[in-house]
Amino acid sequence: MIIKRIHVACRLFSTASTSAKNPHPTPPKMPPTGCNRCSERRKITAHKLITVSTSHVRQTMKKTSATSGDRVLQDPERALQRAQHILVVQDATAPGAYIHHRVLHMLHRYSHVPSTLVMNKIDLVMRRTDLLPLVEILTNGQLSDNQQISTKPAQIGRLGKSLTTTPFLVQNSQNSPESDEKWKSQFRELIQKPTWKCSYSETRSLFRTICGWSGFERVFFVSSLNGEGIDELRQHLMSISPDGEWKMNEGMPTGESAQQLTIDSIRAAVLDTTPSDVAYSVQIRISEWEEQGEVLQIVGEIRCQKPRDGSLIIGKGGKRISEIGRRVNEHLHSLFQRQLYARLIVTCNGKLITQKK
């Protein structure tokens, strides 16, 4: 039986995997999930997949102090400390041909950990051949085994210009910052520090002219929406998993409590709908959890540091909090497979914040 622990961090995924024989394999049990910060175990035929999500690495607040001890900043680094494999998931439709500088810093810090590039949302790309020049840039034209990636010039739709690979690669080779002593000194200094202790501007300056990572072992093209390419990626993760002990009870879909999953779902909806400087500052708790007949009644509290943050979460006419509530209810219905209703309230310093008309 293969056990995989996958730590997810927005565009950065890290996997820590072990495997063990299960004497009594059962059919697949895969509860739907959608939260951005949660722990999840998925059973796949005779294998189990454990997922611990620490998302939004590249969206880390630019104004956050380099010495901040916030979990949001530290969790991705902690995930990589236990990782046996790293997945860098790149949005194939996003403008720009580069890996984010925060992700590059972590890849350099943990260069000893094998890594894989995953191009997601390929279902939105009209011409699949357009992805090849982009992959050449993101991999610096080679994989970790020195296998060269060669492509022909192509038009990348969302980038708005033709990407001929030669100029990018020639520029990176001839004007590489690695040959600059000042850059080397800065690199040695920053690479010794955890990413969350480096300021946003420091990592951006360090990797300003660096677009890709040469250490990827494999490249996968997938669509999380329709499942294209997911089976191949899953098989790859299973194939690289070493043997280990069976650590979960039979049929156990998740190690998190129902209330913790609900908190994660609310946090995910807030992160997806609210500006990051506000979303990362709020705290989520469950105020009520009551069974009323066959219906589970839930009241989730979103605690804000400032009244204006609460007003922003509620939105004009309550539109934003209504959208957050809709997402939470849909996700929990899908996750728990039962009748429930989750109501959300927004507070600041113990006082209820109401919507402005």
Protein backbone atom coordinates (compact mmCIF):
# COMPACT_ATOMS: atom_id res chain seq x y z
CA MET A 1 0.00 0.00 0.00
CA ILE A 2 1.42 3.36 -0.97
CA ILE A 3 0.94 6.26 1.41
CA LYS A 4 1.59 9.73 0.06
CA ARG A 5 1.66 12.94 2.03
CA ILE A 6 1.35 15.91 -0.33
CA HIS A 7 1.89 19.42 0.96
CA VAL A 8 0.24 21.92 -1.38
CA ALA A 9 1.30 25.53 -1.66
CA CYS A 10 -0.42 27.35 -4.49
CA ARG A 11 2.01 26.99 -7.36
CA LEU A 12 4.30 24.96 -5.11
CA PHE A 13 3.41 21.40 -4.18
CA SER A 14 5.68 19.20 -2.09
CA THR A 15 5.20 15.49 -1.64
CA ALA A 16 6.48 13.34 1.18
CA SER A 17 5.69 9.74 0.35
CA THR A 18 5.97 6.33 1.95
CA SER A 19 4.38 3.05 1.00
CA ALA A 20 3.20 -0.02 2.88
CA LYS A 21 1.19 -3.13 2.19
CA ASN A 22 -2.48 -3.10 3.20
CA PRO A 23 -3.74 -6.64 3.78
CA HIS A 24 -7.32 -5.67 3.04
CA PRO A 25 -7.57 -3.13 0.20
CA THR A 26 -11.00 -1.59 -0.33
CA PRO A 27 -12.66 0.20 -3.23
CA PRO A 28 -11.78 3.84 -3.83
CA LYS A 29 -13.26 6.42 -1.49
CA MET A 30 -12.49 9.92 -2.68
CA PRO A 31 -14.53 12.67 -1.02
CA PRO A 32 -14.66 15.85 -3.13
CA THR A 33 -12.49 18.64 -1.85
CA GLY A 34 -11.91 22.26 -2.72
CA CYS A 35 -10.36 23.95 0.27
CA ASN A 36 -7.01 25.67 -0.08
CA ARG A 37 -5.62 24.83 3.35
CA CYS A 38 -6.62 21.39 4.54
CA SER A 39 -5.36 17.93 5.34
CA GLU A 40 -6.86 15.22 3.19
CA ARG A 41 -6.36 11.49 2.67
CA ARG A 42 -7.62 9.96 -0.57
CA LYS A 43 -7.83 6.23 -1.16
CA ILE A 44 -6.99 5.14 -4.70
CA THR A 45 -7.56 1.40 -5.31
CA ALA A 46 -4.75 -0.20 -3.24
CA HIS A 47 -3.05 3.11 -2.46
CA LYS A 48 -3.70 6.05 -0.18
CA LEU A 49 -2.95 9.66 -0.95
CA ILE A 50 -2.51 12.13 1.92
CA THR A 51 -2.73 15.83 1.11
CA VAL A 52 -1.75 18.73 3.37
CA SER A 53 -2.46 22.04 1.64
CA THR A 54 -0.49 25.24 2.26
CA SER A 55 -1.52 27.39 -0.67
CA HIS A 56 -0.97 30.93 -1.94
CA VAL A 57 2.83 30.94 -1.74
CA ARG A 58 3.28 33.52 -4.48
CA GLN A 59 0.47 35.67 -3.07
CA THR A 60 2.23 36.13 0.26
CA MET A 61 1.61 39.68 1.39
CA LYS A 62 4.20 42.10 0.04
CA LYS A 63 3.93 44.27 3.15
CA THR A 64 4.49 41.41 5.59
CA SER A 65 7.52 41.83 7.82
CA ALA A 66 10.44 39.55 7.02
CA THR A 67 10.50 38.51 10.67
CA SER A 68 6.81 37.70 10.86
CA GLY A 69 5.95 34.36 12.46
CA ASP A 70 2.62 33.99 10.65
CA ARG A 71 1.69 30.37 9.82
CA VAL A 72 0.73 31.39 6.30
CA LEU A 73 4.34 32.36 5.67
CA GLN A 74 5.97 29.43 7.46
CA ASP A 75 3.78 26.49 6.39
CA PRO A 76 5.18 26.12 2.82
CA GLU A 77 8.73 25.95 4.19
CA ARG A 78 7.71 23.40 6.81
CA ALA A 79 6.08 21.30 4.10
CA LEU A 80 9.29 21.27 2.07
CA GLN A 81 11.32 20.22 5.09
CA ARG A 82 9.39 16.93 5.10
CA ALA A 83 9.11 16.61 1.33
CA GLN A 84 10.48 13.78 -0.78
CA HIS A 85 9.27 15.32 -4.02
CA ILE A 86 8.19 18.81 -5.14
CA LEU A 87 5.50 19.67 -7.68
CA VAL A 88 5.54 23.15 -9.15
CA VAL A 89 2.08 23.74 -10.62
CA GLN A 90 2.03 26.48 -13.24
CA ASP A 91 -1.14 28.04 -14.64
CA ALA A 92 -0.86 27.53 -18.40
CA THR A 93 -3.15 30.51 -19.05
CA ALA A 94 -1.38 33.01 -16.79
CA PRO A 95 0.41 35.92 -18.49
CA GLY A 96 4.17 35.96 -18.15
CA ALA A 97 6.79 33.31 -18.86
CA TYR A 98 8.47 32.78 -15.50
CA ILE A 99 8.29 30.89 -12.22
CA HIS A 100 7.48 33.20 -9.33
CA HIS A 101 10.52 34.42 -7.40
CA ARG A 102 9.20 33.10 -4.06
CA VAL A 103 8.90 29.62 -5.56
CA LEU A 104 12.36 29.90 -7.15
CA HIS A 105 13.87 30.77 -3.78
CA MET A 106 12.36 27.63 -2.23
CA LEU A 107 13.49 25.47 -5.15
CA HIS A 108 17.06 26.70 -4.70
CA ARG A 109 16.92 26.17 -0.93
CA TYR A 110 15.67 22.62 -1.41
CA SER A 111 17.52 21.77 -4.60
CA HIS A 112 18.34 18.35 -3.14
CA VAL A 113 14.64 17.41 -3.31
CA PRO A 114 13.54 16.05 -6.73
CA SER A 115 10.98 18.23 -8.48
CA THR A 116 8.42 18.04 -11.28
CA LEU A 117 6.76 20.78 -13.35
CA VAL A 118 2.98 20.49 -13.82
CA MET A 119 1.29 22.70 -16.41
CA ASN A 120 -2.34 23.06 -15.29
CA LYS A 121 -5.48 24.37 -17.07
CA ILE A 122 -4.46 23.02 -20.45
CA ASP A 123 -8.17 22.66 -21.26
CA LEU A 124 -8.22 26.46 -21.69
CA VAL A 125 -5.33 26.48 -24.18
CA MET A 126 -6.57 26.42 -27.77
CA ARG A 127 -3.29 25.22 -29.33
CA ARG A 128 -1.37 22.75 -27.18
CA THR A 129 1.81 23.28 -29.17
CA ASP A 130 1.91 26.80 -27.74
CA LEU A 131 2.84 25.28 -24.39
CA LEU A 132 6.15 23.85 -25.56
CA PRO A 133 8.10 27.15 -25.89
CA LEU A 134 6.74 28.18 -22.49
CA VAL A 135 7.93 24.93 -20.92
CA GLU A 136 11.37 25.45 -22.48
CA ILE A 137 11.61 28.79 -20.68
CA LEU A 138 10.33 27.47 -17.34
CA THR A 139 12.85 24.60 -17.43
CA ASN A 140 15.75 26.69 -18.79
CA GLY A 141 15.70 24.39 -21.79
CA GLN A 142 16.70 21.24 -19.90
CA LEU A 143 15.70 18.74 -17.25
CA SER A 144 17.71 17.61 -14.25
CA ASP A 145 19.30 14.72 -16.19
CA ASN A 146 20.69 17.27 -18.71
CA GLN A 147 18.12 16.19 -21.29
CA GLN A 148 17.68 19.12 -23.65
CA ILE A 149 14.26 20.49 -24.56
CA SER A 150 14.06 21.83 -28.11
CA THR A 151 11.06 23.54 -29.72
CA LYS A 152 10.15 25.73 -32.64
CA PRO A 153 9.02 29.37 -32.28
CA ALA A 154 5.31 29.62 -31.50
CA GLN A 155 2.66 32.17 -30.57
CA ILE A 156 1.62 32.05 -26.91
CA GLY A 157 -1.93 33.36 -26.90
CA ARG A 158 -2.22 34.88 -23.43
CA LEU A 159 1.33 36.24 -23.55
CA GLY A 160 0.46 38.36 -26.59
CA LYS A 161 3.70 37.81 -28.48
CA SER A 162 5.68 35.16 -30.26
CA LEU A 163 8.11 33.36 -28.01
CA THR A 164 11.20 32.34 -29.91
CA THR A 165 13.14 30.30 -27.44
CA THR A 166 16.60 31.31 -28.57
CA PRO A 167 16.57 34.92 -27.27
CA PHE A 168 15.45 33.83 -23.79
CA LEU A 169 17.93 31.01 -23.53
CA VAL A 170 20.81 32.95 -25.08
CA GLN A 171 20.15 35.86 -22.77
CA ASN A 172 20.06 33.57 -19.75
CA SER A 173 23.31 31.90 -20.77
CA GLN A 174 25.28 35.00 -21.79
CA ASN A 175 24.00 37.45 -19.19
CA SER A 176 23.44 34.97 -16.42
CA PRO A 177 23.53 36.63 -12.98
CA GLU A 178 25.31 33.54 -11.63
CA SER A 179 28.51 34.92 -13.17
CA ASP A 180 28.23 38.19 -11.24
CA GLU A 181 30.10 38.22 -7.93
CA LYS A 182 27.68 40.69 -6.35
CA TRP A 183 24.76 38.45 -7.27
CA LYS A 184 26.58 35.40 -5.92
CA SER A 185 27.12 37.15 -2.61
CA GLN A 186 23.48 38.14 -2.37
CA PHE A 187 22.41 34.62 -3.34
CA ARG A 188 24.59 33.00 -0.65
CA GLU A 189 23.17 35.36 1.96
CA LEU A 190 19.49 34.87 1.08
CA ILE A 191 19.66 31.14 0.42
CA GLN A 192 20.68 30.58 4.04
CA LYS A 193 17.43 32.13 5.27
CA PRO A 194 13.96 30.56 5.13
CA THR A 195 11.80 32.12 2.44
CA TRP A 196 9.42 33.58 5.00
CA LYS A 197 12.34 35.49 6.57
CA CYS A 198 13.26 37.04 3.21
CA SER A 199 11.33 40.12 2.19
CA TYR A 200 9.28 40.10 -0.99
CA SER A 201 11.58 42.69 -2.58
CA GLU A 202 14.73 40.70 -1.74
CA THR A 203 13.64 37.55 -3.55
CA ARG A 204 12.20 39.55 -6.44
CA SER A 205 15.49 41.38 -6.89
CA LEU A 206 17.54 38.17 -6.61
CA PHE A 207 15.59 36.34 -9.32
CA ARG A 208 14.70 39.36 -11.44
CA THR A 209 16.35 37.97 -14.58
CA ILE A 210 15.81 34.28 -13.86
CA CYS A 211 12.70 32.74 -15.41
CA GLY A 212 12.98 29.00 -14.84
CA TRP A 213 14.40 26.07 -12.90
CA SER A 214 16.77 23.52 -14.44
CA GLY A 215 16.17 20.84 -11.81
CA PHE A 216 12.82 19.45 -12.95
CA GLU A 217 12.84 15.70 -13.53
CA ARG A 218 9.59 15.50 -15.46
CA VAL A 219 6.97 17.78 -17.03
CA PHE A 220 3.25 16.96 -17.00
CA PHE A 221 0.36 18.67 -18.79
CA VAL A 222 -2.92 18.40 -16.87
CA SER A 223 -6.39 19.83 -16.40
CA SER A 224 -7.68 19.69 -12.84
CA LEU A 225 -11.14 20.55 -14.18
CA ASN A 226 -11.67 17.62 -16.53
CA GLY A 227 -9.00 15.27 -15.18
CA GLU A 228 -6.85 15.17 -18.32
CA GLY A 229 -3.33 14.04 -17.48
CA ILE A 230 -4.13 13.51 -13.78
CA ASP A 231 -3.86 9.72 -13.94
CA GLU A 232 -0.38 9.93 -15.44
CA LEU A 233 0.71 12.38 -12.75
CA ARG A 234 -0.78 10.21 -10.00
CA GLN A 235 0.98 7.11 -11.36
CA HIS A 236 4.26 9.04 -11.41
CA LEU A 237 3.87 9.99 -7.74
CA MET A 238 3.07 6.40 -6.83
CA SER A 239 6.06 5.08 -8.76
CA ILE A 240 8.50 7.27 -6.82
CA SER A 241 7.06 6.47 -3.38
CA PRO A 242 9.37 4.42 -1.15
CA ASP A 243 8.08 1.64 1.11
CA GLY A 244 6.81 2.64 4.52
CA GLU A 245 4.43 1.76 7.33
CA TRP A 246 0.65 1.75 7.01
CA LYS A 247 -0.39 4.71 9.17
CA MET A 248 -4.18 4.97 8.73
CA ASN A 249 -7.22 2.96 9.67
CA GLU A 250 -9.03 1.13 6.89
CA GLY A 251 -11.50 3.39 5.04
CA MET A 252 -10.29 6.55 6.77
CA PRO A 253 -10.87 9.41 4.28
CA THR A 254 -9.31 12.19 6.34
CA GLY A 255 -7.44 12.79 9.56
CA GLU A 256 -9.11 16.14 10.20
CA SER A 257 -12.24 16.68 12.27
CA ALA A 258 -15.44 17.84 10.58
CA GLN A 259 -15.17 21.23 12.30
CA GLN A 260 -11.59 21.70 11.12
CA LEU A 261 -12.62 20.86 7.56
CA THR A 262 -15.36 23.47 7.84
CA ILE A 263 -12.86 26.08 9.07
CA ASP A 264 -10.58 25.22 6.16
CA SER A 265 -13.48 25.58 3.72
CA ILE A 266 -14.39 29.03 5.07
CA ARG A 267 -10.75 30.13 4.97
CA ALA A 268 -10.44 28.93 1.37
CA ALA A 269 -13.53 30.87 0.30
CA VAL A 270 -12.24 34.03 2.00
CA LEU A 271 -8.83 33.65 0.33
CA ASP A 272 -10.44 33.20 -3.08
CA THR A 273 -12.77 36.19 -2.87
CA THR A 274 -10.98 38.78 -0.72
CA PRO A 275 -7.79 40.83 -1.22
CA SER A 276 -4.83 38.94 0.24
CA ASP A 277 -3.81 41.62 2.76
CA VAL A 278 -7.23 41.21 4.40
CA ALA A 279 -7.76 37.48 3.82
CA TYR A 280 -4.50 36.49 5.51
CA SER A 281 -5.21 38.60 8.58
CA VAL A 282 -8.57 37.08 9.57
CA GLN A 283 -9.18 34.22 11.98
CA ILE A 284 -11.87 31.59 11.50
CA ARG A 285 -13.73 29.76 14.25
CA ILE A 286 -16.94 27.74 14.62
CA SER A 287 -19.46 29.49 16.90
CA GLU A 288 -22.26 26.93 16.64
CA TRP A 289 -22.38 23.28 15.58
CA GLU A 290 -25.81 21.79 16.22
CA GLU A 291 -27.85 18.90 14.87
CA GLN A 292 -31.47 19.93 14.26
CA GLY A 293 -33.23 16.81 13.10
CA GLU A 294 -31.50 15.67 9.91
CA VAL A 295 -29.98 19.09 9.27
CA LEU A 296 -26.58 20.17 10.62
CA GLN A 297 -26.68 23.86 11.52
CA ILE A 298 -23.28 25.60 11.44
CA VAL A 299 -22.37 29.17 12.32
CA GLY A 300 -18.89 30.22 11.23
CA GLU A 301 -17.28 33.36 12.61
CA ILE A 302 -14.80 35.41 10.59
CA ARG A 303 -12.80 37.53 13.03
CA CYS A 304 -11.20 40.66 11.62
CA GLN A 305 -8.49 42.89 13.06
CA LYS A 306 -10.06 46.11 11.79
CA PRO A 307 -13.71 47.13 11.23
CA ARG A 308 -12.94 48.20 7.67
CA ASP A 309 -11.64 44.68 6.94
CA GLY A 310 -14.96 43.30 8.09
CA SER A 311 -16.84 45.74 5.87
CA LEU A 312 -14.66 44.67 2.94
CA ILE A 313 -15.42 40.99 3.56
CA ILE A 314 -19.15 41.70 3.75
CA GLY A 315 -19.04 43.78 0.58
CA LYS A 316 -21.50 46.27 -0.81
CA GLY A 317 -25.00 45.11 -0.03
CA GLY A 318 -23.58 41.91 1.47
CA LYS A 319 -22.63 40.53 -1.95
CA ARG A 320 -19.17 39.27 -1.01
CA ILE A 321 -20.20 37.50 2.21
CA SER A 322 -23.10 35.94 0.30
CA GLU A 323 -20.68 34.60 -2.30
CA ILE A 324 -18.39 33.26 0.44
CA GLY A 325 -21.37 31.57 2.08
CA ARG A 326 -22.49 30.04 -1.21
CA ARG A 327 -19.05 28.54 -1.83
CA VAL A 328 -18.80 27.19 1.70
CA ASN A 329 -22.25 25.56 1.60
CA GLU A 330 -21.63 23.98 -1.80
CA HIS A 331 -18.27 22.61 -0.71
CA LEU A 332 -19.53 21.24 2.61
CA HIS A 333 -22.56 19.63 0.95
CA SER A 334 -20.20 17.89 -1.46
CA LEU A 335 -17.72 16.97 1.27
CA PHE A 336 -20.07 15.68 3.98
CA GLN A 337 -22.82 14.33 1.69
CA ARG A 338 -25.64 15.38 4.03
CA GLN A 339 -28.15 18.13 4.71
CA LEU A 340 -26.57 21.16 6.35
CA TYR A 341 -26.64 24.92 6.40
CA ALA A 342 -23.64 27.09 7.19
CA ARG A 343 -24.23 30.72 8.18
CA LEU A 344 -21.33 33.16 8.36
CA ILE A 345 -20.92 36.17 10.62
CA VAL A 346 -18.17 38.79 10.62
CA THR A 347 -16.87 40.29 13.88
CA CYS A 348 -14.19 42.68 15.08
CA ASN A 349 -13.12 42.78 18.73
CA GLY A 350 -16.20 40.77 19.67
CA LYS A 351 -18.64 43.12 17.94
CA LEU A 352 -20.82 41.99 15.05
CA ILE A 353 -20.24 43.85 11.78
CA THR A 354 -23.34 44.29 9.66
CA GLN A 355 -23.63 45.11 6.00
CA LYS A 356 -23.92 48.66 4.77
CA LYS A 357 -26.96 49.44 2.69
